Amino acid sequence: MKPLAAQQACPCGRCAGKSGKQQAYADCCGRWLEPYAQSVTPPDAESLMRSRYSAFVLERAAYLLDSWAASHRPESIGFDPGVKWLGLEVRAHHVTGEATADVEFVARQKPATGPAVRLHERSRFLREAGRWLYLDGDPL
């Protein structure tokens, strides 16, 4: 796990209102990741997507696994050493049903060796027992 100070800019890049200033980690994804508590969850699929991006940046495997729908959840998550996450762009968020939503995003990362990579995906989310969960996604 990588540490992040509460007042540092949140890795997900969400801006606070019309100011254009990035939200502090404690006021954004940090409220779901620090300390990790299953009883406090993001209110919508976009917020879950952003918090999962932050969890990848900060290597929070427990959060990632718990926020994954059980039907699609892997047994474990590994993190590639030396990866530097460069940013997240949420391109679209659509509520597709009473308990379903899609989020299109582009995440950029720089592996330890080689050129930077763009991960462009349309992710599917579902709400079970009041919690949004990541289901799966299609590369775009």
N, C-alpha and C. Protein backbone atom coordinates (compact mmCIF):
# COMPACT_ATOMS: atom_id res chain seq x y z
N MET A 1 0.83 -1.19 0.00
CA MET A 1 0.00 0.00 0.00
C MET A 1 0.87 1.24 0.00
N LYS A 2 0.46 2.19 -0.80
CA LYS A 2 1.18 3.46 -0.86
C LYS A 2 0.42 4.50 -0.05
N PRO A 3 1.11 5.30 0.75
CA PRO A 3 0.44 6.32 1.55
C PRO A 3 0.11 7.57 0.72
N LEU A 4 -0.90 8.30 1.18
CA LEU A 4 -1.24 9.58 0.57
C LEU A 4 -1.79 10.48 1.67
N ALA A 5 -1.25 11.66 1.79
CA ALA A 5 -1.70 12.61 2.81
C ALA A 5 -3.12 13.07 2.49
N ALA A 6 -3.90 13.28 3.55
CA ALA A 6 -5.31 13.63 3.41
C ALA A 6 -5.54 14.87 2.56
N GLN A 7 -4.66 15.86 2.62
CA GLN A 7 -4.90 17.10 1.89
C GLN A 7 -4.26 17.14 0.50
N GLN A 8 -3.57 16.06 0.12
CA GLN A 8 -3.05 16.00 -1.25
C GLN A 8 -4.21 15.87 -2.22
N ALA A 9 -3.98 16.25 -3.47
CA ALA A 9 -5.01 16.11 -4.50
C ALA A 9 -5.34 14.63 -4.68
N CYS A 10 -6.62 14.35 -4.82
CA CYS A 10 -7.06 12.97 -5.00
C CYS A 10 -6.55 12.44 -6.34
N PRO A 11 -6.06 11.20 -6.38
CA PRO A 11 -5.57 10.63 -7.64
C PRO A 11 -6.61 10.60 -8.76
N CYS A 12 -7.89 10.52 -8.39
CA CYS A 12 -8.94 10.40 -9.41
C CYS A 12 -9.13 11.67 -10.22
N GLY A 13 -8.63 12.80 -9.72
CA GLY A 13 -8.70 14.05 -10.47
C GLY A 13 -10.02 14.79 -10.41
N ARG A 14 -10.95 14.37 -9.56
CA ARG A 14 -12.25 15.05 -9.47
C ARG A 14 -12.03 16.49 -8.99
N CYS A 15 -12.72 17.41 -9.63
CA CYS A 15 -12.60 18.82 -9.26
C CYS A 15 -13.72 19.22 -8.31
N ALA A 16 -13.41 20.18 -7.46
CA ALA A 16 -14.36 20.68 -6.49
C ALA A 16 -15.18 21.82 -7.10
N GLY A 17 -16.42 21.53 -7.43
CA GLY A 17 -17.31 22.56 -7.95
C GLY A 17 -16.80 23.23 -9.20
N LYS A 18 -17.09 24.51 -9.31
CA LYS A 18 -16.72 25.27 -10.51
C LYS A 18 -15.32 25.87 -10.42
N SER A 19 -14.65 25.66 -9.29
CA SER A 19 -13.33 26.26 -9.10
C SER A 19 -12.27 25.65 -10.01
N GLY A 20 -12.49 24.40 -10.43
CA GLY A 20 -11.50 23.72 -11.25
C GLY A 20 -10.35 23.15 -10.45
N LYS A 21 -10.35 23.38 -9.14
CA LYS A 21 -9.30 22.86 -8.26
C LYS A 21 -9.64 21.42 -7.88
N GLN A 22 -8.62 20.54 -7.94
CA GLN A 22 -8.85 19.15 -7.59
C GLN A 22 -9.20 19.01 -6.11
N GLN A 23 -10.11 18.09 -5.83
CA GLN A 23 -10.51 17.83 -4.45
C GLN A 23 -9.38 17.18 -3.68
N ALA A 24 -9.32 17.46 -2.40
CA ALA A 24 -8.36 16.80 -1.53
C ALA A 24 -8.77 15.34 -1.38
N TYR A 25 -7.79 14.47 -1.25
CA TYR A 25 -8.02 13.03 -1.11
C TYR A 25 -9.02 12.73 0.01
N ALA A 26 -8.87 13.39 1.16
CA ALA A 26 -9.75 13.13 2.30
C ALA A 26 -11.21 13.46 1.99
N ASP A 27 -11.44 14.45 1.13
CA ASP A 27 -12.80 14.87 0.79
C ASP A 27 -13.35 14.14 -0.42
N CYS A 28 -12.55 13.33 -1.05
CA CYS A 28 -12.95 12.63 -2.27
C CYS A 28 -12.88 11.12 -2.00
N CYS A 29 -12.03 10.42 -2.68
CA CYS A 29 -11.95 8.95 -2.56
C CYS A 29 -11.45 8.49 -1.20
N GLY A 30 -10.71 9.33 -0.50
CA GLY A 30 -10.20 8.96 0.81
C GLY A 30 -11.29 8.60 1.80
N ARG A 31 -12.48 9.17 1.65
CA ARG A 31 -13.55 8.84 2.61
C ARG A 31 -14.03 7.41 2.47
N TRP A 32 -13.71 6.77 1.32
CA TRP A 32 -14.07 5.36 1.15
C TRP A 32 -12.87 4.43 1.33
N LEU A 33 -11.68 4.96 1.17
CA LEU A 33 -10.48 4.13 1.24
C LEU A 33 -9.72 4.22 2.56
N GLU A 34 -9.86 5.30 3.31
CA GLU A 34 -9.06 5.53 4.52
C GLU A 34 -9.92 5.80 5.73
N PRO A 35 -9.91 5.06 6.76
CA PRO A 35 -9.56 3.65 6.71
C PRO A 35 -10.68 2.92 5.98
N TYR A 36 -10.32 1.85 5.32
CA TYR A 36 -11.30 1.13 4.52
C TYR A 36 -12.40 0.58 5.41
N ALA A 37 -13.63 0.97 5.11
CA ALA A 37 -14.80 0.50 5.87
C ALA A 37 -15.89 0.11 4.88
N GLN A 38 -16.32 -1.12 4.92
CA GLN A 38 -17.32 -1.60 3.99
C GLN A 38 -18.67 -0.91 4.17
N SER A 39 -18.91 -0.32 5.32
CA SER A 39 -20.22 0.29 5.57
C SER A 39 -20.36 1.65 4.89
N VAL A 40 -19.27 2.26 4.47
CA VAL A 40 -19.31 3.56 3.80
C VAL A 40 -18.90 3.34 2.36
N THR A 41 -19.83 3.55 1.44
CA THR A 41 -19.56 3.25 0.04
C THR A 41 -19.91 4.42 -0.86
N PRO A 42 -19.31 4.49 -2.03
CA PRO A 42 -19.61 5.57 -2.98
C PRO A 42 -21.10 5.58 -3.36
N PRO A 43 -21.65 6.79 -3.58
CA PRO A 43 -23.09 6.91 -3.82
C PRO A 43 -23.53 6.58 -5.25
N ASP A 44 -22.59 6.49 -6.19
CA ASP A 44 -22.98 6.22 -7.57
C ASP A 44 -21.83 5.52 -8.29
N ALA A 45 -22.12 5.03 -9.49
CA ALA A 45 -21.13 4.26 -10.25
C ALA A 45 -19.91 5.09 -10.61
N GLU A 46 -20.08 6.36 -10.97
CA GLU A 46 -18.91 7.18 -11.30
C GLU A 46 -17.99 7.34 -10.10
N SER A 47 -18.56 7.59 -8.94
CA SER A 47 -17.74 7.73 -7.73
C SER A 47 -17.03 6.42 -7.40
N LEU A 48 -17.71 5.29 -7.63
CA LEU A 48 -17.04 4.01 -7.41
C LEU A 48 -15.90 3.83 -8.40
N MET A 49 -16.13 4.19 -9.67
CA MET A 49 -15.06 4.08 -10.68
C MET A 49 -13.86 4.91 -10.26
N ARG A 50 -14.10 6.14 -9.83
CA ARG A 50 -13.01 7.02 -9.41
C ARG A 50 -12.29 6.45 -8.18
N SER A 51 -13.04 5.91 -7.24
CA SER A 51 -12.40 5.35 -6.05
C SER A 51 -11.60 4.10 -6.39
N ARG A 52 -12.05 3.32 -7.35
CA ARG A 52 -11.29 2.14 -7.77
C ARG A 52 -10.00 2.56 -8.48
N TYR A 53 -10.04 3.63 -9.27
CA TYR A 53 -8.82 4.14 -9.87
C TYR A 53 -7.84 4.54 -8.76
N SER A 54 -8.32 5.29 -7.78
CA SER A 54 -7.46 5.70 -6.66
C SER A 54 -6.92 4.48 -5.93
N ALA A 55 -7.74 3.44 -5.79
CA ALA A 55 -7.29 2.21 -5.12
C ALA A 55 -6.19 1.52 -5.92
N PHE A 56 -6.26 1.57 -7.25
CA PHE A 56 -5.17 1.01 -8.06
C PHE A 56 -3.90 1.84 -7.85
N VAL A 57 -4.03 3.16 -7.88
CA VAL A 57 -2.87 4.04 -7.68
C VAL A 57 -2.21 3.76 -6.33
N LEU A 58 -3.02 3.58 -5.30
CA LEU A 58 -2.53 3.43 -3.94
C LEU A 58 -2.38 1.96 -3.51
N GLU A 59 -2.63 1.06 -4.45
CA GLU A 59 -2.47 -0.39 -4.22
C GLU A 59 -3.29 -0.89 -3.03
N ARG A 60 -4.58 -0.60 -3.07
CA ARG A 60 -5.52 -1.03 -2.03
C ARG A 60 -6.30 -2.25 -2.53
N ALA A 61 -5.67 -3.41 -2.51
CA ALA A 61 -6.27 -4.65 -3.05
C ALA A 61 -7.57 -5.02 -2.36
N ALA A 62 -7.65 -4.89 -1.04
CA ALA A 62 -8.86 -5.28 -0.32
C ALA A 62 -10.06 -4.48 -0.81
N TYR A 63 -9.89 -3.19 -1.01
CA TYR A 63 -10.98 -2.35 -1.50
C TYR A 63 -11.40 -2.77 -2.90
N LEU A 64 -10.41 -2.99 -3.77
CA LEU A 64 -10.72 -3.38 -5.14
C LEU A 64 -11.50 -4.68 -5.18
N LEU A 65 -11.07 -5.67 -4.43
CA LEU A 65 -11.76 -6.96 -4.42
C LEU A 65 -13.17 -6.83 -3.84
N ASP A 66 -13.31 -6.08 -2.76
CA ASP A 66 -14.62 -5.94 -2.12
C ASP A 66 -15.60 -5.14 -2.97
N SER A 67 -15.10 -4.25 -3.82
CA SER A 67 -15.99 -3.43 -4.65
C SER A 67 -16.25 -4.08 -6.01
N TRP A 68 -15.84 -5.31 -6.18
CA TRP A 68 -16.04 -6.10 -7.41
C TRP A 68 -17.21 -7.04 -7.17
N ALA A 69 -18.15 -7.13 -8.10
CA ALA A 69 -19.28 -8.05 -7.97
C ALA A 69 -18.74 -9.48 -7.81
N ALA A 70 -19.29 -10.21 -6.86
CA ALA A 70 -18.80 -11.56 -6.54
C ALA A 70 -18.79 -12.48 -7.76
N SER A 71 -19.75 -12.31 -8.66
CA SER A 71 -19.84 -13.18 -9.83
C SER A 71 -18.68 -13.01 -10.81
N HIS A 72 -17.95 -11.89 -10.72
CA HIS A 72 -16.84 -11.60 -11.64
C HIS A 72 -15.51 -11.33 -10.92
N ARG A 73 -15.51 -11.42 -9.61
CA ARG A 73 -14.34 -11.06 -8.80
C ARG A 73 -13.21 -12.08 -8.96
N PRO A 74 -11.99 -11.60 -9.23
CA PRO A 74 -10.84 -12.52 -9.26
C PRO A 74 -10.48 -12.93 -7.83
N GLU A 75 -9.67 -13.95 -7.71
CA GLU A 75 -9.25 -14.40 -6.38
C GLU A 75 -8.29 -13.43 -5.72
N SER A 76 -7.49 -12.76 -6.53
CA SER A 76 -6.52 -11.81 -5.97
C SER A 76 -6.18 -10.76 -7.03
N ILE A 77 -5.52 -9.72 -6.58
CA ILE A 77 -5.08 -8.64 -7.46
C ILE A 77 -3.59 -8.44 -7.23
N GLY A 78 -2.84 -8.39 -8.30
CA GLY A 78 -1.42 -8.08 -8.20
C GLY A 78 -1.16 -6.70 -8.79
N PHE A 79 -0.18 -6.04 -8.28
CA PHE A 79 0.20 -4.73 -8.77
C PHE A 79 1.58 -4.82 -9.41
N ASP A 80 1.72 -4.25 -10.59
CA ASP A 80 3.00 -4.28 -11.29
C ASP A 80 3.95 -3.28 -10.64
N PRO A 81 5.12 -3.74 -10.22
CA PRO A 81 6.08 -2.83 -9.59
C PRO A 81 6.55 -1.76 -10.58
N GLY A 82 6.68 -0.55 -10.08
CA GLY A 82 7.21 0.53 -10.90
C GLY A 82 6.21 1.24 -11.78
N VAL A 83 4.94 0.83 -11.77
CA VAL A 83 3.92 1.50 -12.58
C VAL A 83 3.63 2.86 -11.97
N LYS A 84 3.57 3.86 -12.82
CA LYS A 84 3.20 5.21 -12.39
C LYS A 84 1.88 5.56 -13.08
N TRP A 85 0.86 5.81 -12.29
CA TRP A 85 -0.44 6.19 -12.84
C TRP A 85 -0.40 7.67 -13.17
N LEU A 86 -0.85 8.03 -14.36
CA LEU A 86 -0.71 9.39 -14.88
C LEU A 86 -1.99 10.20 -14.88
N GLY A 87 -3.14 9.55 -14.72
CA GLY A 87 -4.38 10.32 -14.69
C GLY A 87 -5.59 9.52 -15.13
N LEU A 88 -6.74 10.04 -14.76
CA LEU A 88 -8.03 9.44 -15.09
C LEU A 88 -8.90 10.49 -15.74
N GLU A 89 -9.54 10.11 -16.82
CA GLU A 89 -10.55 10.96 -17.47
C GLU A 89 -11.83 10.15 -17.56
N VAL A 90 -12.87 10.61 -16.86
CA VAL A 90 -14.18 9.98 -16.98
C VAL A 90 -14.89 10.67 -18.13
N ARG A 91 -15.18 9.91 -19.18
CA ARG A 91 -15.79 10.49 -20.38
C ARG A 91 -17.30 10.48 -20.36
N ALA A 92 -17.90 9.48 -19.69
CA ALA A 92 -19.36 9.41 -19.64
C ALA A 92 -19.79 8.55 -18.47
N HIS A 93 -20.94 8.87 -17.92
CA HIS A 93 -21.56 8.11 -16.84
C HIS A 93 -23.04 8.04 -17.18
N HIS A 94 -23.55 6.82 -17.38
CA HIS A 94 -24.96 6.64 -17.74
C HIS A 94 -25.63 5.67 -16.78
N VAL A 95 -26.73 6.09 -16.20
CA VAL A 95 -27.57 5.18 -15.44
C VAL A 95 -28.37 4.41 -16.49
N THR A 96 -28.25 3.08 -16.47
CA THR A 96 -28.88 2.26 -17.51
C THR A 96 -30.09 1.50 -17.00
N GLY A 97 -30.35 1.55 -15.73
CA GLY A 97 -31.49 0.87 -15.12
C GLY A 97 -31.58 1.26 -13.66
N GLU A 98 -32.54 0.67 -12.97
CA GLU A 98 -32.73 1.00 -11.56
C GLU A 98 -31.50 0.68 -10.71
N ALA A 99 -30.78 -0.37 -11.10
CA ALA A 99 -29.61 -0.79 -10.32
C ALA A 99 -28.41 -1.08 -11.20
N THR A 100 -28.33 -0.40 -12.36
CA THR A 100 -27.21 -0.61 -13.27
C THR A 100 -26.74 0.73 -13.85
N ALA A 101 -25.46 0.77 -14.20
CA ALA A 101 -24.89 1.98 -14.79
C ALA A 101 -23.63 1.60 -15.57
N ASP A 102 -23.26 2.48 -16.50
CA ASP A 102 -22.02 2.34 -17.27
C ASP A 102 -21.17 3.58 -17.04
N VAL A 103 -19.86 3.39 -17.05
CA VAL A 103 -18.92 4.50 -16.97
C VAL A 103 -17.85 4.27 -18.03
N GLU A 104 -17.68 5.26 -18.91
CA GLU A 104 -16.59 5.20 -19.88
C GLU A 104 -15.45 6.05 -19.35
N PHE A 105 -14.25 5.49 -19.38
CA PHE A 105 -13.10 6.22 -18.84
C PHE A 105 -11.84 5.90 -19.64
N VAL A 106 -10.86 6.77 -19.46
CA VAL A 106 -9.51 6.54 -19.96
C VAL A 106 -8.57 6.75 -18.77
N ALA A 107 -7.81 5.71 -18.46
CA ALA A 107 -6.78 5.80 -17.42
C ALA A 107 -5.43 5.67 -18.10
N ARG A 108 -4.50 6.49 -17.69
CA ARG A 108 -3.16 6.45 -18.29
C ARG A 108 -2.15 5.99 -17.24
N GLN A 109 -1.22 5.16 -17.69
CA GLN A 109 -0.17 4.70 -16.80
C GLN A 109 1.13 4.53 -17.56
N LYS A 110 2.22 4.62 -16.83
CA LYS A 110 3.56 4.42 -17.38
C LYS A 110 4.15 3.21 -16.70
N PRO A 111 4.30 2.09 -17.44
CA PRO A 111 4.95 0.91 -16.84
C PRO A 111 6.41 1.22 -16.50
N ALA A 112 7.01 0.35 -15.70
CA ALA A 112 8.41 0.53 -15.31
C ALA A 112 9.32 0.59 -16.53
N THR A 113 8.98 -0.16 -17.56
CA THR A 113 9.73 -0.12 -18.83
C THR A 113 8.74 0.03 -19.97
N GLY A 114 9.14 0.70 -21.01
CA GLY A 114 8.28 0.88 -22.17
C GLY A 114 7.49 2.17 -22.13
N PRO A 115 6.71 2.39 -23.18
CA PRO A 115 5.95 3.64 -23.29
C PRO A 115 4.71 3.65 -22.40
N ALA A 116 4.15 4.83 -22.22
CA ALA A 116 2.91 4.99 -21.47
C ALA A 116 1.78 4.26 -22.20
N VAL A 117 0.76 3.87 -21.42
CA VAL A 117 -0.36 3.10 -21.94
C VAL A 117 -1.66 3.80 -21.57
N ARG A 118 -2.61 3.77 -22.50
CA ARG A 118 -3.96 4.28 -22.24
C ARG A 118 -4.90 3.10 -22.09
N LEU A 119 -5.65 3.06 -21.00
CA LEU A 119 -6.65 2.03 -20.78
C LEU A 119 -8.02 2.68 -20.98
N HIS A 120 -8.64 2.41 -22.10
CA HIS A 120 -9.93 3.00 -22.43
C HIS A 120 -10.97 1.90 -22.30
N GLU A 121 -11.95 2.10 -21.44
CA GLU A 121 -12.91 1.04 -21.14
C GLU A 121 -14.29 1.60 -20.89
N ARG A 122 -15.30 0.81 -21.22
CA ARG A 122 -16.67 1.07 -20.78
C ARG A 122 -16.96 0.02 -19.73
N SER A 123 -17.08 0.45 -18.50
CA SER A 123 -17.28 -0.45 -17.37
C SER A 123 -18.76 -0.53 -17.03
N ARG A 124 -19.17 -1.71 -16.57
CA ARG A 124 -20.54 -1.92 -16.12
C ARG A 124 -20.55 -2.08 -14.60
N PHE A 125 -21.53 -1.46 -13.99
CA PHE A 125 -21.70 -1.48 -12.55
C PHE A 125 -23.11 -1.91 -12.21
N LEU A 126 -23.25 -2.52 -11.04
CA LEU A 126 -24.58 -2.87 -10.55
C LEU A 126 -24.66 -2.54 -9.08
N ARG A 127 -25.89 -2.32 -8.63
CA ARG A 127 -26.11 -2.00 -7.22
C ARG A 127 -26.78 -3.20 -6.57
N GLU A 128 -26.12 -3.72 -5.53
CA GLU A 128 -26.65 -4.84 -4.76
C GLU A 128 -26.68 -4.44 -3.30
N ALA A 129 -27.82 -4.65 -2.67
CA ALA A 129 -27.98 -4.33 -1.24
C ALA A 129 -27.54 -2.90 -0.94
N GLY A 130 -27.85 -1.98 -1.85
CA GLY A 130 -27.53 -0.57 -1.65
C GLY A 130 -26.11 -0.15 -1.98
N ARG A 131 -25.26 -1.09 -2.42
CA ARG A 131 -23.85 -0.79 -2.74
C ARG A 131 -23.61 -0.92 -4.22
N TRP A 132 -22.91 0.06 -4.79
CA TRP A 132 -22.48 -0.04 -6.17
C TRP A 132 -21.26 -0.95 -6.24
N LEU A 133 -21.24 -1.83 -7.24
CA LEU A 133 -20.13 -2.77 -7.45
C LEU A 133 -19.71 -2.76 -8.90
N TYR A 134 -18.42 -2.94 -9.14
CA TYR A 134 -17.90 -3.09 -10.48
C TYR A 134 -18.24 -4.50 -10.96
N LEU A 135 -18.81 -4.62 -12.16
CA LEU A 135 -19.15 -5.92 -12.72
C LEU A 135 -18.06 -6.37 -13.70
N ASP A 136 -17.92 -5.62 -14.79
CA ASP A 136 -16.92 -5.94 -15.81
C ASP A 136 -16.82 -4.75 -16.76
N GLY A 137 -16.00 -4.91 -17.79
CA GLY A 137 -15.85 -3.82 -18.74
C GLY A 137 -15.38 -4.32 -20.10
N ASP A 138 -15.60 -3.47 -21.08
CA ASP A 138 -15.17 -3.75 -22.44
C ASP A 138 -14.12 -2.73 -22.86
N PRO A 139 -12.96 -3.19 -23.34
CA PRO A 139 -11.97 -2.25 -23.85
C PRO A 139 -12.53 -1.52 -25.07
N LEU A 140 -12.20 -0.25 -25.18
CA LEU A 140 -12.65 0.55 -26.34
C LEU A 140 -11.45 0.98 -27.17
